[in-house]
Amino acid sequence: MLGIHELWLFILSGLLLNVTPGPDTAYIVGRSVQLGWRGGAAAALGISTGCLAHVFAAAIGLSALLAASSAAFALVKWAGAGYLCFMGLKMLLSRPAVDDAATANGAMPPRPISLRQVFLQGAMTNVLNPKVALFFLAFLPQFVAADSPHQAVAFVVLGLIFIFNGTLWCLGVAAFAARAAGRVRQSAPALRWINRTLGGVFVYLGVRVAMLQAR
């Protein structure tokens, strides 16, 4: 159907890729610990939305353009690196306004970031990462026949399957992390260190993106 072959292998490979810990997992866990289940879910959905953008880009050929054009690759690369480093440094240097007295009495500290911001950060980390675009461009065609007249539709179908499975896994990670970190969210110092750790992850990603080379 649609020229898709070895669907079982695609699903298995996708699941293995999804469960492999990486920066996305670290971001989801960090936001889950910091903001609870809703924060982790917002992070997971944002990441999935960013992946969805790359799936459609691969289907209509934008990812191929990105891979073929050094200028387009460099533009996306430096935009992504700049965004990630900016967000990382902002998180590293931020001092969330937390009522320490209220925290000491067991009250929940105010949320330092909105769920909308968490979602957008998760989406933008993937949208502005050319490595994600090249991943889908390299991964999806392996399971679509070269002579299929419906390659674009096949790419979208496979991408949606990959993202659906990945989103379920990420939501599970968010739920587990949020449940395990109830006490951590009552500690202002712990929340500050979580924010700094996430900032470090963003800066690391920004440096990694800046070092990417077009192939």
N, C-alpha and C. Protein backbone atom coordinates (compact mmCIF):
# COMPACT_ATOMS: atom_id res chain seq x y z
N MET A 1 0.84 -1.20 0.00
CA MET A 1 0.00 0.00 0.00
C MET A 1 0.87 1.25 0.00
N LEU A 2 0.66 2.15 -0.97
CA LEU A 2 1.40 3.40 -1.11
C LEU A 2 2.90 3.18 -1.34
N GLY A 3 3.27 1.92 -1.60
CA GLY A 3 4.67 1.63 -1.82
C GLY A 3 5.45 1.40 -0.54
N ILE A 4 4.76 1.36 0.60
CA ILE A 4 5.43 1.13 1.88
C ILE A 4 5.74 -0.37 2.00
N HIS A 5 6.97 -0.69 2.40
CA HIS A 5 7.34 -2.08 2.59
C HIS A 5 8.03 -2.24 3.94
N GLU A 6 7.99 -3.45 4.46
CA GLU A 6 8.60 -3.80 5.75
C GLU A 6 8.14 -2.84 6.86
N LEU A 7 6.83 -2.67 6.94
CA LEU A 7 6.27 -1.76 7.94
C LEU A 7 6.63 -2.20 9.35
N TRP A 8 6.64 -3.51 9.58
CA TRP A 8 6.96 -4.02 10.92
C TRP A 8 8.37 -3.60 11.33
N LEU A 9 9.31 -3.62 10.38
CA LEU A 9 10.68 -3.22 10.68
C LEU A 9 10.77 -1.73 10.95
N PHE A 10 9.97 -0.96 10.20
CA PHE A 10 9.94 0.49 10.42
C PHE A 10 9.43 0.80 11.83
N ILE A 11 8.33 0.13 12.23
CA ILE A 11 7.77 0.39 13.55
C ILE A 11 8.75 -0.02 14.65
N LEU A 12 9.39 -1.18 14.48
CA LEU A 12 10.35 -1.65 15.47
C LEU A 12 11.54 -0.70 15.57
N SER A 13 12.06 -0.29 14.42
CA SER A 13 13.20 0.64 14.41
C SER A 13 12.82 1.96 15.05
N GLY A 14 11.61 2.44 14.72
CA GLY A 14 11.15 3.69 15.29
C GLY A 14 11.01 3.63 16.80
N LEU A 15 10.49 2.51 17.30
CA LEU A 15 10.34 2.35 18.75
C LEU A 15 11.70 2.34 19.44
N LEU A 16 12.66 1.66 18.84
CA LEU A 16 14.00 1.62 19.43
C LEU A 16 14.63 3.01 19.44
N LEU A 17 14.41 3.77 18.37
CA LEU A 17 14.93 5.13 18.33
C LEU A 17 14.23 6.02 19.36
N ASN A 18 12.93 5.83 19.53
CA ASN A 18 12.19 6.67 20.47
C ASN A 18 12.58 6.42 21.92
N VAL A 19 12.86 5.16 22.27
CA VAL A 19 13.15 4.86 23.67
C VAL A 19 14.61 5.12 24.02
N THR A 20 15.44 5.44 23.02
CA THR A 20 16.84 5.75 23.30
C THR A 20 16.93 7.13 23.95
N PRO A 21 17.50 7.23 25.16
CA PRO A 21 17.57 8.53 25.83
C PRO A 21 18.39 9.53 25.02
N GLY A 22 17.95 10.77 25.03
CA GLY A 22 18.64 11.83 24.31
C GLY A 22 18.23 13.18 24.85
N PRO A 23 18.61 14.27 24.17
CA PRO A 23 18.26 15.62 24.63
C PRO A 23 16.75 15.84 24.77
N ASP A 24 15.96 15.26 23.86
CA ASP A 24 14.50 15.42 23.95
C ASP A 24 13.98 14.81 25.25
N THR A 25 14.48 13.62 25.58
CA THR A 25 14.08 12.97 26.82
C THR A 25 14.47 13.81 28.03
N ALA A 26 15.69 14.36 27.99
CA ALA A 26 16.16 15.20 29.10
C ALA A 26 15.27 16.42 29.27
N TYR A 27 14.85 17.00 28.15
CA TYR A 27 13.98 18.18 28.23
C TYR A 27 12.62 17.82 28.82
N ILE A 28 12.07 16.70 28.40
CA ILE A 28 10.76 16.27 28.92
C ILE A 28 10.85 15.96 30.40
N VAL A 29 11.87 15.23 30.81
CA VAL A 29 12.04 14.89 32.22
C VAL A 29 12.23 16.15 33.05
N GLY A 30 13.05 17.07 32.56
CA GLY A 30 13.28 18.31 33.30
C GLY A 30 12.02 19.11 33.50
N ARG A 31 11.23 19.27 32.45
CA ARG A 31 9.99 20.03 32.58
C ARG A 31 8.96 19.29 33.42
N SER A 32 8.97 17.95 33.39
CA SER A 32 8.05 17.18 34.23
C SER A 32 8.37 17.35 35.70
N VAL A 33 9.65 17.33 36.01
CA VAL A 33 10.07 17.52 37.40
C VAL A 33 9.77 18.95 37.85
N GLN A 34 9.98 19.88 36.96
CA GLN A 34 9.82 21.29 37.28
C GLN A 34 8.35 21.71 37.38
N LEU A 35 7.53 21.23 36.42
CA LEU A 35 6.16 21.72 36.31
C LEU A 35 5.09 20.65 36.49
N GLY A 36 5.50 19.40 36.67
CA GLY A 36 4.53 18.33 36.81
C GLY A 36 4.13 17.73 35.48
N TRP A 37 3.10 16.87 35.52
CA TRP A 37 2.66 16.14 34.33
C TRP A 37 2.32 17.05 33.17
N ARG A 38 1.64 18.17 33.44
CA ARG A 38 1.22 19.05 32.36
C ARG A 38 2.42 19.69 31.67
N GLY A 39 3.44 20.02 32.45
CA GLY A 39 4.65 20.58 31.85
C GLY A 39 5.36 19.57 30.98
N GLY A 40 5.47 18.33 31.46
CA GLY A 40 6.10 17.29 30.66
C GLY A 40 5.33 16.97 29.41
N ALA A 41 4.00 16.96 29.52
CA ALA A 41 3.15 16.69 28.35
C ALA A 41 3.29 17.81 27.33
N ALA A 42 3.34 19.06 27.78
CA ALA A 42 3.52 20.19 26.86
C ALA A 42 4.85 20.08 26.13
N ALA A 43 5.89 19.67 26.86
CA ALA A 43 7.21 19.50 26.24
C ALA A 43 7.16 18.39 25.19
N ALA A 44 6.52 17.27 25.53
CA ALA A 44 6.43 16.13 24.61
C ALA A 44 5.65 16.50 23.35
N LEU A 45 4.53 17.20 23.51
CA LEU A 45 3.72 17.58 22.36
C LEU A 45 4.44 18.61 21.50
N GLY A 46 5.21 19.48 22.13
CA GLY A 46 5.99 20.45 21.37
C GLY A 46 7.05 19.77 20.51
N ILE A 47 7.75 18.82 21.10
CA ILE A 47 8.76 18.07 20.36
C ILE A 47 8.13 17.32 19.19
N SER A 48 6.99 16.69 19.44
CA SER A 48 6.30 15.97 18.37
C SER A 48 5.85 16.91 17.25
N THR A 49 5.41 18.11 17.61
CA THR A 49 5.00 19.08 16.60
C THR A 49 6.19 19.49 15.74
N GLY A 50 7.35 19.66 16.36
CA GLY A 50 8.54 19.99 15.60
C GLY A 50 8.91 18.88 14.63
N CYS A 51 8.78 17.63 15.08
CA CYS A 51 9.04 16.49 14.19
C CYS A 51 8.05 16.45 13.05
N LEU A 52 6.79 16.79 13.34
CA LEU A 52 5.75 16.77 12.32
C LEU A 52 6.08 17.75 11.20
N ALA A 53 6.63 18.90 11.57
CA ALA A 53 7.01 19.88 10.55
C ALA A 53 8.05 19.30 9.60
N HIS A 54 9.00 18.53 10.15
CA HIS A 54 10.04 17.95 9.31
C HIS A 54 9.49 16.81 8.44
N VAL A 55 8.50 16.10 8.94
CA VAL A 55 7.89 15.03 8.14
C VAL A 55 7.24 15.62 6.89
N PHE A 56 6.46 16.70 7.06
CA PHE A 56 5.83 17.34 5.92
C PHE A 56 6.87 17.97 5.00
N ALA A 57 7.95 18.48 5.60
CA ALA A 57 9.02 19.05 4.77
C ALA A 57 9.66 17.97 3.91
N ALA A 58 9.86 16.78 4.49
CA ALA A 58 10.43 15.67 3.73
C ALA A 58 9.47 15.25 2.61
N ALA A 59 8.17 15.28 2.90
CA ALA A 59 7.18 14.84 1.92
C ALA A 59 7.12 15.77 0.72
N ILE A 60 7.30 17.07 0.93
CA ILE A 60 7.18 18.01 -0.18
C ILE A 60 8.53 18.40 -0.77
N GLY A 61 9.61 17.84 -0.21
CA GLY A 61 10.92 18.05 -0.81
C GLY A 61 11.77 19.12 -0.19
N LEU A 62 11.29 19.81 0.86
CA LEU A 62 12.09 20.86 1.47
C LEU A 62 13.33 20.31 2.14
N SER A 63 13.22 19.11 2.72
CA SER A 63 14.38 18.51 3.36
C SER A 63 15.45 18.17 2.33
N ALA A 64 15.01 17.75 1.14
CA ALA A 64 15.97 17.47 0.07
C ALA A 64 16.69 18.74 -0.33
N LEU A 65 15.96 19.85 -0.38
CA LEU A 65 16.57 21.14 -0.69
C LEU A 65 17.59 21.52 0.38
N LEU A 66 17.23 21.27 1.63
CA LEU A 66 18.12 21.57 2.75
C LEU A 66 19.41 20.77 2.64
N ALA A 67 19.27 19.50 2.23
CA ALA A 67 20.44 18.64 2.11
C ALA A 67 21.30 19.02 0.91
N ALA A 68 20.66 19.54 -0.15
CA ALA A 68 21.40 19.84 -1.38
C ALA A 68 22.00 21.23 -1.39
N SER A 69 21.39 22.17 -0.68
CA SER A 69 21.84 23.56 -0.72
C SER A 69 22.65 23.89 0.53
N SER A 70 23.90 24.21 0.36
CA SER A 70 24.76 24.56 1.50
C SER A 70 24.30 25.87 2.13
N ALA A 71 23.78 26.79 1.32
CA ALA A 71 23.32 28.07 1.85
C ALA A 71 22.08 27.87 2.74
N ALA A 72 21.12 27.06 2.26
CA ALA A 72 19.92 26.80 3.05
C ALA A 72 20.27 26.06 4.34
N PHE A 73 21.18 25.10 4.22
CA PHE A 73 21.59 24.34 5.39
C PHE A 73 22.23 25.26 6.43
N ALA A 74 23.13 26.13 5.96
CA ALA A 74 23.83 27.05 6.87
C ALA A 74 22.85 28.01 7.54
N LEU A 75 21.86 28.49 6.77
CA LEU A 75 20.88 29.42 7.32
C LEU A 75 20.09 28.79 8.46
N VAL A 76 19.57 27.58 8.22
CA VAL A 76 18.81 26.89 9.26
C VAL A 76 19.72 26.52 10.42
N LYS A 77 20.93 26.09 10.10
CA LYS A 77 21.86 25.67 11.16
C LYS A 77 22.17 26.81 12.12
N TRP A 78 22.53 27.98 11.58
CA TRP A 78 22.90 29.08 12.46
C TRP A 78 21.70 29.68 13.17
N ALA A 79 20.54 29.66 12.52
CA ALA A 79 19.32 30.12 13.21
C ALA A 79 19.01 29.20 14.38
N GLY A 80 19.11 27.90 14.15
CA GLY A 80 18.84 26.94 15.22
C GLY A 80 19.86 27.03 16.34
N ALA A 81 21.14 27.13 15.98
CA ALA A 81 22.18 27.21 17.00
C ALA A 81 22.03 28.47 17.84
N GLY A 82 21.73 29.58 17.17
CA GLY A 82 21.55 30.83 17.90
C GLY A 82 20.37 30.78 18.85
N TYR A 83 19.26 30.21 18.38
CA TYR A 83 18.07 30.11 19.23
C TYR A 83 18.33 29.24 20.45
N LEU A 84 18.95 28.08 20.22
CA LEU A 84 19.19 27.15 21.32
C LEU A 84 20.15 27.74 22.34
N CYS A 85 21.23 28.36 21.88
CA CYS A 85 22.19 28.95 22.81
C CYS A 85 21.56 30.12 23.58
N PHE A 86 20.75 30.92 22.89
CA PHE A 86 20.08 32.04 23.55
C PHE A 86 19.16 31.54 24.66
N MET A 87 18.34 30.53 24.34
CA MET A 87 17.42 29.98 25.35
C MET A 87 18.20 29.34 26.49
N GLY A 88 19.28 28.63 26.15
CA GLY A 88 20.08 27.98 27.19
C GLY A 88 20.70 28.98 28.14
N LEU A 89 21.30 30.03 27.60
CA LEU A 89 21.93 31.04 28.45
C LEU A 89 20.89 31.78 29.28
N LYS A 90 19.72 32.02 28.68
CA LYS A 90 18.65 32.68 29.42
C LYS A 90 18.23 31.84 30.62
N MET A 91 18.15 30.52 30.44
CA MET A 91 17.76 29.63 31.54
C MET A 91 18.88 29.51 32.56
N LEU A 92 20.13 29.50 32.11
CA LEU A 92 21.26 29.41 33.03
C LEU A 92 21.37 30.64 33.92
N LEU A 93 21.06 31.80 33.37
CA LEU A 93 21.24 33.06 34.09
C LEU A 93 19.98 33.52 34.82
N SER A 94 18.86 32.84 34.57
CA SER A 94 17.60 33.29 35.17
C SER A 94 17.58 33.00 36.66
N ARG A 95 16.85 33.83 37.38
CA ARG A 95 16.64 33.64 38.82
C ARG A 95 15.14 33.66 39.08
N PRO A 96 14.50 32.48 39.02
CA PRO A 96 13.04 32.42 39.19
C PRO A 96 12.61 33.06 40.50
N ALA A 97 11.56 33.86 40.43
CA ALA A 97 11.03 34.50 41.63
C ALA A 97 10.23 33.48 42.43
N VAL A 98 10.84 32.95 43.48
CA VAL A 98 10.19 31.93 44.30
C VAL A 98 10.11 32.42 45.72
N ASP A 99 8.97 32.25 46.32
CA ASP A 99 8.77 32.62 47.72
C ASP A 99 9.35 31.53 48.59
N ASP A 100 10.60 31.75 49.09
CA ASP A 100 11.28 30.72 49.87
C ASP A 100 10.54 30.38 51.15
N ALA A 101 9.90 31.40 51.76
CA ALA A 101 9.17 31.14 53.00
C ALA A 101 8.00 30.22 52.73
N ALA A 102 7.29 30.48 51.64
CA ALA A 102 6.14 29.63 51.30
C ALA A 102 6.62 28.24 50.95
N THR A 103 7.75 28.15 50.25
CA THR A 103 8.29 26.84 49.88
C THR A 103 8.66 26.05 51.11
N ALA A 104 9.26 26.73 52.10
CA ALA A 104 9.66 26.04 53.32
C ALA A 104 8.45 25.48 54.05
N ASN A 105 7.30 26.10 53.90
CA ASN A 105 6.08 25.62 54.54
C ASN A 105 5.36 24.55 53.72
N GLY A 106 5.97 24.15 52.63
CA GLY A 106 5.39 23.08 51.83
C GLY A 106 4.50 23.55 50.71
N ALA A 107 4.44 24.86 50.48
CA ALA A 107 3.58 25.37 49.41
C ALA A 107 4.30 25.23 48.07
N MET A 108 3.53 25.05 47.03
CA MET A 108 4.09 24.93 45.69
C MET A 108 4.61 26.29 45.23
N PRO A 109 5.87 26.35 44.75
CA PRO A 109 6.38 27.62 44.24
C PRO A 109 5.69 27.99 42.93
N PRO A 110 5.64 29.27 42.62
CA PRO A 110 4.99 29.66 41.37
C PRO A 110 5.73 29.11 40.16
N ARG A 111 4.99 28.84 39.11
CA ARG A 111 5.62 28.30 37.91
C ARG A 111 6.46 29.37 37.23
N PRO A 112 7.74 29.06 36.91
CA PRO A 112 8.60 30.06 36.31
C PRO A 112 8.37 30.22 34.81
N ILE A 113 7.59 29.36 34.20
CA ILE A 113 7.39 29.40 32.76
C ILE A 113 6.01 28.83 32.45
N SER A 114 5.38 29.38 31.41
CA SER A 114 4.03 28.91 31.06
C SER A 114 4.11 27.64 30.23
N LEU A 115 3.01 26.90 30.19
CA LEU A 115 2.95 25.68 29.39
C LEU A 115 3.09 26.00 27.90
N ARG A 116 2.58 27.14 27.49
CA ARG A 116 2.71 27.55 26.10
C ARG A 116 4.17 27.74 25.73
N GLN A 117 4.94 28.35 26.63
CA GLN A 117 6.37 28.54 26.37
C GLN A 117 7.10 27.21 26.31
N VAL A 118 6.73 26.29 27.20
CA VAL A 118 7.34 24.96 27.20
C VAL A 118 7.08 24.27 25.87
N PHE A 119 5.83 24.35 25.40
CA PHE A 119 5.46 23.73 24.13
C PHE A 119 6.26 24.34 22.97
N LEU A 120 6.31 25.67 22.92
CA LEU A 120 7.00 26.35 21.82
C LEU A 120 8.50 26.06 21.84
N GLN A 121 9.09 26.00 23.02
CA GLN A 121 10.52 25.67 23.11
C GLN A 121 10.78 24.28 22.58
N GLY A 122 9.94 23.32 22.97
CA GLY A 122 10.10 21.96 22.48
C GLY A 122 9.96 21.88 20.97
N ALA A 123 9.00 22.62 20.42
CA ALA A 123 8.79 22.61 18.97
C ALA A 123 9.95 23.25 18.24
N MET A 124 10.40 24.40 18.72
CA MET A 124 11.45 25.14 18.03
C MET A 124 12.80 24.43 18.08
N THR A 125 13.07 23.68 19.16
CA THR A 125 14.33 22.95 19.21
C THR A 125 14.44 21.93 18.09
N ASN A 126 13.31 21.41 17.63
CA ASN A 126 13.32 20.46 16.52
C ASN A 126 13.17 21.15 15.17
N VAL A 127 12.29 22.14 15.08
CA VAL A 127 12.07 22.82 13.81
C VAL A 127 13.36 23.46 13.30
N LEU A 128 14.15 24.04 14.19
CA LEU A 128 15.37 24.74 13.80
C LEU A 128 16.61 23.86 13.87
N ASN A 129 16.42 22.55 13.92
CA ASN A 129 17.55 21.62 13.96
C ASN A 129 17.63 20.88 12.62
N PRO A 130 18.58 21.25 11.76
CA PRO A 130 18.66 20.58 10.45
C PRO A 130 18.98 19.10 10.56
N LYS A 131 19.54 18.69 11.69
CA LYS A 131 19.85 17.27 11.88
C LYS A 131 18.58 16.44 11.89
N VAL A 132 17.51 16.98 12.47
CA VAL A 132 16.23 16.27 12.49
C VAL A 132 15.68 16.14 11.07
N ALA A 133 15.81 17.21 10.29
CA ALA A 133 15.33 17.17 8.91
C ALA A 133 16.08 16.10 8.11
N LEU A 134 17.40 16.06 8.28
CA LEU A 134 18.19 15.07 7.54
C LEU A 134 17.90 13.66 8.02
N PHE A 135 17.56 13.51 9.30
CA PHE A 135 17.21 12.18 9.82
C PHE A 135 15.98 11.63 9.10
N PHE A 136 14.92 12.43 9.02
CA PHE A 136 13.71 11.96 8.35
C PHE A 136 13.95 11.74 6.85
N LEU A 137 14.78 12.60 6.26
CA LEU A 137 15.07 12.45 4.84
C LEU A 137 15.82 11.16 4.56
N ALA A 138 16.65 10.73 5.52
CA ALA A 138 17.42 9.50 5.34
C ALA A 138 16.65 8.26 5.78
N PHE A 139 15.82 8.41 6.80
CA PHE A 139 15.15 7.26 7.42
C PHE A 139 13.90 6.82 6.66
N LEU A 140 13.04 7.75 6.33
CA LEU A 140 11.75 7.40 5.72
C LEU A 140 11.87 6.73 4.35
N PRO A 141 12.73 7.22 3.45
CA PRO A 141 12.78 6.61 2.11
C PRO A 141 13.20 5.13 2.11
N GLN A 142 13.84 4.66 3.18
CA GLN A 142 14.27 3.27 3.22
C GLN A 142 13.08 2.31 3.24
N PHE A 143 11.89 2.81 3.57
CA PHE A 143 10.72 1.94 3.69
C PHE A 143 9.65 2.28 2.66
N VAL A 144 10.05 3.01 1.62
CA VAL A 144 9.12 3.37 0.54
C VAL A 144 9.77 2.97 -0.78
N ALA A 145 9.01 2.27 -1.62
CA ALA A 145 9.53 1.83 -2.92
C ALA A 145 9.91 3.03 -3.77
N ALA A 146 11.06 2.91 -4.45
CA ALA A 146 11.56 4.03 -5.25
C ALA A 146 10.64 4.38 -6.40
N ASP A 147 9.89 3.38 -6.90
CA ASP A 147 9.00 3.64 -8.04
C ASP A 147 7.56 3.89 -7.63
N SER A 148 7.32 4.11 -6.35
CA SER A 148 5.96 4.37 -5.88
C SER A 148 5.46 5.71 -6.39
N PRO A 149 4.25 5.76 -6.93
CA PRO A 149 3.69 7.04 -7.40
C PRO A 149 3.15 7.90 -6.25
N HIS A 150 3.17 7.35 -5.05
CA HIS A 150 2.61 8.07 -3.89
C HIS A 150 3.66 8.23 -2.80
N GLN A 151 4.88 8.57 -3.17
CA GLN A 151 5.96 8.68 -2.19
C GLN A 151 5.67 9.73 -1.13
N ALA A 152 5.18 10.88 -1.52
CA ALA A 152 4.92 11.95 -0.56
C ALA A 152 3.91 11.51 0.49
N VAL A 153 2.81 10.85 0.04
CA VAL A 153 1.80 10.37 0.99
C VAL A 153 2.40 9.29 1.89
N ALA A 154 3.23 8.41 1.31
CA ALA A 154 3.87 7.35 2.11
C ALA A 154 4.76 7.95 3.18
N PHE A 155 5.51 9.01 2.83
CA PHE A 155 6.37 9.67 3.81
C PHE A 155 5.54 10.21 4.98
N VAL A 156 4.41 10.82 4.65
CA VAL A 156 3.56 11.39 5.69
C VAL A 156 2.99 10.30 6.59
N VAL A 157 2.53 9.20 5.98
CA VAL A 157 1.97 8.09 6.76
C VAL A 157 3.02 7.51 7.70
N LEU A 158 4.21 7.25 7.18
CA LEU A 158 5.28 6.70 8.02
C LEU A 158 5.68 7.70 9.11
N GLY A 159 5.75 8.96 8.74
CA GLY A 159 6.11 9.98 9.73
C GLY A 159 5.09 10.07 10.85
N LEU A 160 3.81 9.99 10.49
CA LEU A 160 2.76 10.05 11.52
C LEU A 160 2.82 8.84 12.44
N ILE A 161 3.12 7.68 11.88
CA ILE A 161 3.27 6.47 12.72
C ILE A 161 4.43 6.65 13.69
N PHE A 162 5.55 7.12 13.17
CA PHE A 162 6.74 7.34 14.00
C PHE A 162 6.45 8.34 15.11
N ILE A 163 5.81 9.46 14.76
CA ILE A 163 5.53 10.50 15.74
C ILE A 163 4.49 10.04 16.76
N PHE A 164 3.47 9.29 16.31
CA PHE A 164 2.44 8.80 17.23
C PHE A 164 3.07 7.90 18.29
N ASN A 165 3.89 6.94 17.86
CA ASN A 165 4.54 6.04 18.82
C ASN A 165 5.47 6.81 19.73
N GLY A 166 6.21 7.75 19.15
CA GLY A 166 7.14 8.54 19.96
C GLY A 166 6.43 9.40 20.98
N THR A 167 5.28 9.96 20.60
CA THR A 167 4.52 10.80 21.52
C THR A 167 3.99 9.99 22.70
N LEU A 168 3.49 8.78 22.42
CA LEU A 168 3.01 7.92 23.50
C LEU A 168 4.14 7.62 24.49
N TRP A 169 5.31 7.31 23.95
CA TRP A 169 6.45 7.03 24.82
C TRP A 169 6.82 8.26 25.65
N CYS A 170 6.88 9.42 25.01
CA CYS A 170 7.28 10.64 25.70
C CYS A 170 6.26 11.04 26.78
N LEU A 171 4.97 10.83 26.50
CA LEU A 171 3.96 11.12 27.52
C LEU A 171 4.11 10.18 28.71
N GLY A 172 4.48 8.92 28.43
CA GLY A 172 4.73 7.99 29.52
C GLY A 172 5.93 8.42 30.36
N VAL A 173 6.98 8.89 29.70
CA VAL A 173 8.16 9.39 30.41
C VAL A 173 7.78 10.59 31.27
N ALA A 174 6.96 11.48 30.71
CA ALA A 174 6.53 12.66 31.46
C ALA A 174 5.73 12.27 32.70
N ALA A 175 4.82 11.32 32.55
CA ALA A 175 4.00 10.88 33.68
C ALA A 175 4.86 10.25 34.77
N PHE A 176 5.81 9.41 34.36
CA PHE A 176 6.68 8.74 35.34
C PHE A 176 7.54 9.76 36.07
N ALA A 177 8.14 10.69 35.32
CA ALA A 177 9.02 11.69 35.93
C ALA A 177 8.25 12.60 36.87
N ALA A 178 7.05 13.00 36.46
CA ALA A 178 6.24 13.89 37.29
C ALA A 178 5.83 13.20 38.59
N ARG A 179 5.48 11.93 38.49
CA ARG A 179 5.04 11.20 39.68
C ARG A 179 6.21 10.98 40.65
N ALA A 180 7.40 10.79 40.10
CA ALA A 180 8.56 10.50 40.94
C ALA A 180 9.17 11.76 41.56
N ALA A 181 8.74 12.93 41.11
CA ALA A 181 9.42 14.16 41.52
C ALA A 181 8.53 15.11 42.31
N GLY A 182 7.51 14.59 42.97
CA GLY A 182 6.61 15.45 43.71
C GLY A 182 7.30 16.30 44.75
N ARG A 183 8.23 15.72 45.49
CA ARG A 183 8.92 16.47 46.55
C ARG A 183 9.91 17.47 45.97
N VAL A 184 10.51 17.11 44.84
CA VAL A 184 11.49 18.01 44.25
C VAL A 184 10.86 19.35 43.90
N ARG A 185 9.62 19.33 43.43
CA ARG A 185 8.96 20.56 43.02
C ARG A 185 8.64 21.48 44.19
N GLN A 186 8.81 21.01 45.41
CA GLN A 186 8.59 21.85 46.57
C GLN A 186 9.88 22.49 47.05
N SER A 187 10.98 22.24 46.36
CA SER A 187 12.28 22.77 46.75
C SER A 187 12.72 23.84 45.76
N ALA A 188 12.83 25.08 46.23
CA ALA A 188 13.27 26.16 45.35
C ALA A 188 14.68 25.93 44.81
N PRO A 189 15.66 25.52 45.64
CA PRO A 189 17.01 25.26 45.09
C PRO A 189 17.00 24.16 44.03
N ALA A 190 16.20 23.12 44.25
CA ALA A 190 16.15 22.04 43.26
C ALA A 190 15.59 22.54 41.94
N LEU A 191 14.56 23.38 42.00
CA LEU A 191 13.97 23.92 40.78
C LEU A 191 14.98 24.79 40.03
N ARG A 192 15.77 25.56 40.79
CA ARG A 192 16.77 26.40 40.13
C ARG A 192 17.82 25.54 39.42
N TRP A 193 18.23 24.44 40.06
CA TRP A 193 19.24 23.58 39.44
C TRP A 193 18.67 22.84 38.24
N ILE A 194 17.41 22.49 38.30
CA ILE A 194 16.77 21.86 37.13
C ILE A 194 16.75 22.83 35.96
N ASN A 195 16.41 24.10 36.25
CA ASN A 195 16.39 25.11 35.20
C ASN A 195 17.78 25.29 34.60
N ARG A 196 18.80 25.28 35.44
CA ARG A 196 20.17 25.43 34.95
C ARG A 196 20.60 24.21 34.14
N THR A 197 20.16 23.03 34.57
CA THR A 197 20.50 21.82 33.82
C THR A 197 19.87 21.86 32.43
N LEU A 198 18.61 22.27 32.36
CA LEU A 198 17.95 22.40 31.07
C LEU A 198 18.65 23.45 30.21
N GLY A 199 19.08 24.54 30.84
CA GLY A 199 19.82 25.55 30.11
C GLY A 199 21.10 24.98 29.52
N GLY A 200 21.79 24.15 30.32
CA GLY A 200 23.00 23.51 29.83
C GLY A 200 22.72 22.58 28.66
N VAL A 201 21.59 21.87 28.71
CA VAL A 201 21.20 20.98 27.60
C VAL A 201 20.96 21.81 26.34
N PHE A 202 20.29 22.96 26.48
CA PHE A 202 20.02 23.80 25.31
C PHE A 202 21.32 24.33 24.72
N VAL A 203 22.25 24.79 25.56
CA VAL A 203 23.53 25.30 25.05
C VAL A 203 24.30 24.18 24.35
N TYR A 204 24.29 23.00 24.95
CA TYR A 204 24.96 21.84 24.34
C TYR A 204 24.38 21.55 22.95
N LEU A 205 23.05 21.55 22.87
CA LEU A 205 22.39 21.32 21.58
C LEU A 205 22.76 22.40 20.57
N GLY A 206 22.81 23.65 21.04
CA GLY A 206 23.17 24.74 20.15
C GLY A 206 24.58 24.57 19.59
N VAL A 207 25.51 24.16 20.43
CA VAL A 207 26.88 23.93 19.97
C VAL A 207 26.92 22.77 18.99
N ARG A 208 26.17 21.70 19.30
CA ARG A 208 26.13 20.54 18.40
C ARG A 208 25.58 20.93 17.03
N VAL A 209 24.50 21.73 17.03
CA VAL A 209 23.91 22.16 15.77
C VAL A 209 24.90 23.03 14.98
N ALA A 210 25.61 23.93 15.69
CA ALA A 210 26.57 24.80 15.02
C ALA A 210 27.70 24.01 14.37
N MET A 211 28.01 22.84 14.92
CA MET A 211 29.11 22.04 14.40
C MET A 211 28.68 21.10 13.26
N LEU A 212 27.38 21.06 12.98
CA LEU A 212 26.90 20.18 11.90
C LEU A 212 27.48 20.62 10.57
N GLN A 213 27.78 19.64 9.75
CA GLN A 213 28.28 19.90 8.41
C GLN A 213 27.31 19.32 7.40
N ALA A 214 27.04 20.04 6.35
CA ALA A 214 26.19 19.52 5.27
C ALA A 214 26.89 18.36 4.60
N ARG A 215 26.12 17.34 4.22
CA ARG A 215 26.70 16.16 3.58
C ARG A 215 26.29 16.11 2.12
